[in-house]
C-alpha atoms as a PDB file:
ATOM      1  CA  UNK A   1      52.803  -6.982  -8.755  1.00  0.00           C
ATOM      2  CA  UNK A   2      53.650  -3.844 -10.807  1.00  0.00           C
ATOM      3  CA  UNK A   3      51.046  -1.097 -11.003  1.00  0.00           C
ATOM      4  CA  UNK A   4      48.634  -1.262 -13.903  1.00  0.00           C
ATOM      5  CA  UNK A   5      48.842   1.675 -16.260  1.00  0.00           C
ATOM      6  CA  UNK A   6      45.600   2.569 -17.994  1.00  0.00           C
ATOM      7  CA  UNK A   7      45.471   4.364 -21.337  1.00  0.00           C
ATOM      8  CA  UNK A   8      44.329   7.990 -20.922  1.00  0.00           C
ATOM      9  CA  UNK A   9      41.097   7.459 -22.879  1.00  0.00           C
ATOM     10  CA  UNK A  10      38.972  10.053 -21.084  1.00  0.00           C
ATOM     11  CA  UNK A  11      41.748  12.642 -21.258  1.00  0.00           C
ATOM     12  CA  UNK A  12      41.984  12.003 -25.001  1.00  0.00           C
ATOM     13  CA  UNK A  13      38.234  12.526 -25.462  1.00  0.00           C
ATOM     14  CA  UNK A  14      38.304  15.711 -23.379  1.00  0.00           C
ATOM     15  CA  UNK A  15      41.207  17.144 -25.406  1.00  0.00           C
ATOM     16  CA  UNK A  16      39.494  16.535 -28.741  1.00  0.00           C
ATOM     17  CA  UNK A  17      36.167  17.901 -27.506  1.00  0.00           C
ATOM     18  CA  UNK A  18      37.913  21.085 -26.283  1.00  0.00           C
ATOM     19  CA  UNK A  19      39.413  21.411 -29.760  1.00  0.00           C
ATOM     20  CA  UNK A  20      35.909  21.354 -31.271  1.00  0.00           C
ATOM     21  CA  UNK A  21      35.838  17.782 -32.540  1.00  0.00           C
ATOM     22  CA  UNK A  22      32.815  15.518 -32.278  1.00  0.00           C
ATOM     23  CA  UNK A  23      33.859  12.231 -30.716  1.00  0.00           C
ATOM     24  CA  UNK A  24      32.339   8.813 -31.366  1.00  0.00           C
ATOM     25  CA  UNK A  25      33.258   5.374 -30.088  1.00  0.00           C
ATOM     26  CA  UNK A  26      34.041   3.778 -26.746  1.00  0.00           C
ATOM     27  CA  UNK A  27      37.176   2.378 -25.193  1.00  0.00           C
ATOM     28  CA  UNK A  28      40.753   3.346 -25.959  1.00  0.00           C
ATOM     29  CA  UNK A  29      40.076   3.905 -29.675  1.00  0.00           C
ATOM     30  CA  UNK A  30      37.624   6.377 -31.109  1.00  0.00           C
ATOM     31  CA  UNK A  31      37.035   8.695 -34.044  1.00  0.00           C
ATOM     32  CA  UNK A  32      37.204  12.483 -33.778  1.00  0.00           C
ATOM     33  CA  UNK A  33      35.668  14.597 -36.568  1.00  0.00           C
ATOM     34  CA  UNK A  34      35.769  18.314 -37.277  1.00  0.00           C
ATOM     35  CA  UNK A  35      34.974  19.985 -40.586  1.00  0.00           C
ATOM     36  CA  UNK A  36      36.830  18.005 -43.264  1.00  0.00           C
ATOM     37  CA  UNK A  37      39.164  16.136 -40.903  1.00  0.00           C
ATOM     38  CA  UNK A  38      38.557  12.688 -39.453  1.00  0.00           C
ATOM     39  CA  UNK A  39      41.139  11.417 -36.973  1.00  0.00           C
ATOM     40  CA  UNK A  40      41.416   7.941 -35.527  1.00  0.00           C
ATOM     41  CA  UNK A  41      42.534   8.410 -31.927  1.00  0.00           C
ATOM     42  CA  UNK A  42      44.194   5.650 -29.914  1.00  0.00           C
ATOM     43  CA  UNK A  43      44.909   6.062 -26.209  1.00  0.00           C
ATOM     44  CA  UNK A  44      47.902   3.994 -25.080  1.00  0.00           C
ATOM     45  CA  UNK A  45      49.640   3.600 -21.756  1.00  0.00           C
ATOM     46  CA  UNK A  46      53.080   3.112 -23.355  1.00  0.00           C
ATOM     47  CA  UNK A  47      54.850   2.185 -26.589  1.00  0.00           C
ATOM     48  CA  UNK A  48      54.294  -1.529 -26.015  1.00  0.00           C
ATOM     49  CA  UNK A  49      50.543  -0.988 -26.368  1.00  0.00           C
ATOM     50  CA  UNK A  50      51.095  -0.071 -30.000  1.00  0.00           C
ATOM     51  CA  UNK A  51      52.218  -3.594 -30.837  1.00  0.00           C
ATOM     52  CA  UNK A  52      50.124  -5.605 -28.418  1.00  0.00           C
ATOM     53  CA  UNK A  53      46.873  -4.002 -29.594  1.00  0.00           C
ATOM     54  CA  UNK A  54      47.883  -3.778 -33.265  1.00  0.00           C
ATOM     55  CA  UNK A  55      47.239  -0.055 -33.012  1.00  0.00           C
ATOM     56  CA  UNK A  56      49.642   0.726 -35.844  1.00  0.00           C
ATOM     57  CA  UNK A  57      47.476  -0.982 -38.478  1.00  0.00           C
ATOM     58  CA  UNK A  58      44.617   0.465 -40.540  1.00  0.00           C
ATOM     59  CA  UNK A  59      46.252   3.585 -41.819  1.00  0.00           C
ATOM     60  CA  UNK A  60      46.676   5.389 -45.080  1.00  0.00           C
ATOM     61  CA  UNK A  61      44.169   3.625 -47.290  1.00  0.00           C
ATOM     62  CA  UNK A  62      40.918   5.536 -47.893  1.00  0.00           C
ATOM     63  CA  UNK A  63      38.783   2.366 -47.968  1.00  0.00           C
ATOM     64  CA  UNK A  64      40.343   0.620 -44.961  1.00  0.00           C
ATOM     65  CA  UNK A  65      41.846   3.200 -42.677  1.00  0.00           C
ATOM     66  CA  UNK A  66      42.361   6.761 -41.668  1.00  0.00           C
ATOM     67  CA  UNK A  67      44.722   9.284 -43.168  1.00  0.00           C
ATOM     68  CA  UNK A  68      45.165  11.007 -39.796  1.00  0.00           C
ATOM     69  CA  UNK A  69      46.034   9.170 -36.589  1.00  0.00           C
ATOM     70  CA  UNK A  70      46.692  10.481 -33.107  1.00  0.00           C
ATOM     71  CA  UNK A  71      48.115   8.493 -30.216  1.00  0.00           C
ATOM     72  CA  UNK A  72      47.495   9.817 -26.701  1.00  0.00           C
ATOM     73  CA  UNK A  73      49.796   8.636 -23.921  1.00  0.00           C
ATOM     74  CA  UNK A  74      51.067   9.755 -20.524  1.00  0.00           C
ATOM     75  CA  UNK A  75      53.795  12.379 -21.000  1.00  0.00           C
ATOM     76  CA  UNK A  76      56.369   9.987 -19.550  1.00  0.00           C
ATOM     77  CA  UNK A  77      55.688   7.506 -22.384  1.00  0.00           C
ATOM     78  CA  UNK A  78      55.631   9.847 -25.382  1.00  0.00           C
ATOM     79  CA  UNK A  79      59.270   9.240 -26.328  1.00  0.00           C
ATOM     80  CA  UNK A  80      58.704   5.493 -26.514  1.00  0.00           C
ATOM     81  CA  UNK A  81      55.479   5.903 -28.498  1.00  0.00           C
ATOM     82  CA  UNK A  82      57.147   8.264 -30.992  1.00  0.00           C
ATOM     83  CA  UNK A  83      60.131   5.933 -31.391  1.00  0.00           C
ATOM     84  CA  UNK A  84      57.823   2.981 -32.122  1.00  0.00           C
ATOM     85  CA  UNK A  85      55.938   4.977 -34.734  1.00  0.00           C
ATOM     86  CA  UNK A  86      59.139   6.195 -36.384  1.00  0.00           C
ATOM     87  CA  UNK A  87      60.504   2.642 -36.508  1.00  0.00           C
ATOM     88  CA  UNK A  88      57.548   1.375 -38.568  1.00  0.00           C
ATOM     89  CA  UNK A  89      57.197   4.556 -40.664  1.00  0.00           C
ATOM     90  CA  UNK A  90      53.416   4.274 -41.194  1.00  0.00           C
ATOM     91  CA  UNK A  91      51.778   5.644 -44.333  1.00  0.00           C
ATOM     92  CA  UNK A  92      49.330   7.842 -42.415  1.00  0.00           C
ATOM     93  CA  UNK A  93      50.018  11.243 -40.876  1.00  0.00           C
ATOM     94  CA  UNK A  94      50.408  10.961 -37.106  1.00  0.00           C
ATOM     95  CA  UNK A  95      50.906  12.900 -33.922  1.00  0.00           C
ATOM     96  CA  UNK A  96      51.393  11.932 -30.296  1.00  0.00           C
ATOM     97  CA  UNK A  97      49.745  13.827 -27.460  1.00  0.00           C
ATOM     98  CA  UNK A  98      51.414  13.530 -24.069  1.00  0.00           C
ATOM     99  CA  UNK A  99      49.036  14.213 -21.190  1.00  0.00           C
ATOM    100  CA  UNK A 100      49.837  14.644 -17.490  1.00  0.00           C
ATOM    101  CA  UNK A 101      47.712  13.953 -14.398  1.00  0.00           C
ATOM    102  CA  UNK A 102      46.269  17.491 -14.492  1.00  0.00           C
ATOM    103  CA  UNK A 103      44.969  17.081 -18.048  1.00  0.00           C
ATOM    104  CA  UNK A 104      47.614  19.400 -19.490  1.00  0.00           C
ATOM    105  CA  UNK A 105      49.083  18.173 -22.735  1.00  0.00           C
ATOM    106  CA  UNK A 106      51.775  18.650 -25.371  1.00  0.00           C
ATOM    107  CA  UNK A 107      51.595  17.647 -29.021  1.00  0.00           C
ATOM    108  CA  UNK A 108      54.533  15.888 -30.659  1.00  0.00           C
ATOM    109  CA  UNK A 109      54.806  15.583 -34.434  1.00  0.00           C
ATOM    110  CA  UNK A 110      56.980  13.096 -36.359  1.00  0.00           C
ATOM    111  CA  UNK A 111      59.478  15.788 -37.317  1.00  0.00           C
ATOM    112  CA  UNK A 112      59.999  16.967 -33.722  1.00  0.00           C
ATOM    113  CA  UNK A 113      63.194  15.820 -32.042  1.00  0.00           C
END
């Protein structure tokens, strides 16, 4: 049986708290708020999670979704996550955070290669 990969939910919460956001919600999806910005954060284990959990939905419309979305994944999966997001070209602004086992992270924006 292949190893089970868990979304880095706690790492995602810790990153946003360190950045000064208040965090609300449980599980792999939560909301992070700071000043005027509200971000829907989704922790995923790989790019496949985006489709299986319908994580790409609910974006861009003020009444139904969030203008800002962030997807947090293991660093090894960030390329796949970014490619999936680019392929659907969502209406919301997005970023991908790649986190390693030590809690260190990099931020990838849509325009980054």
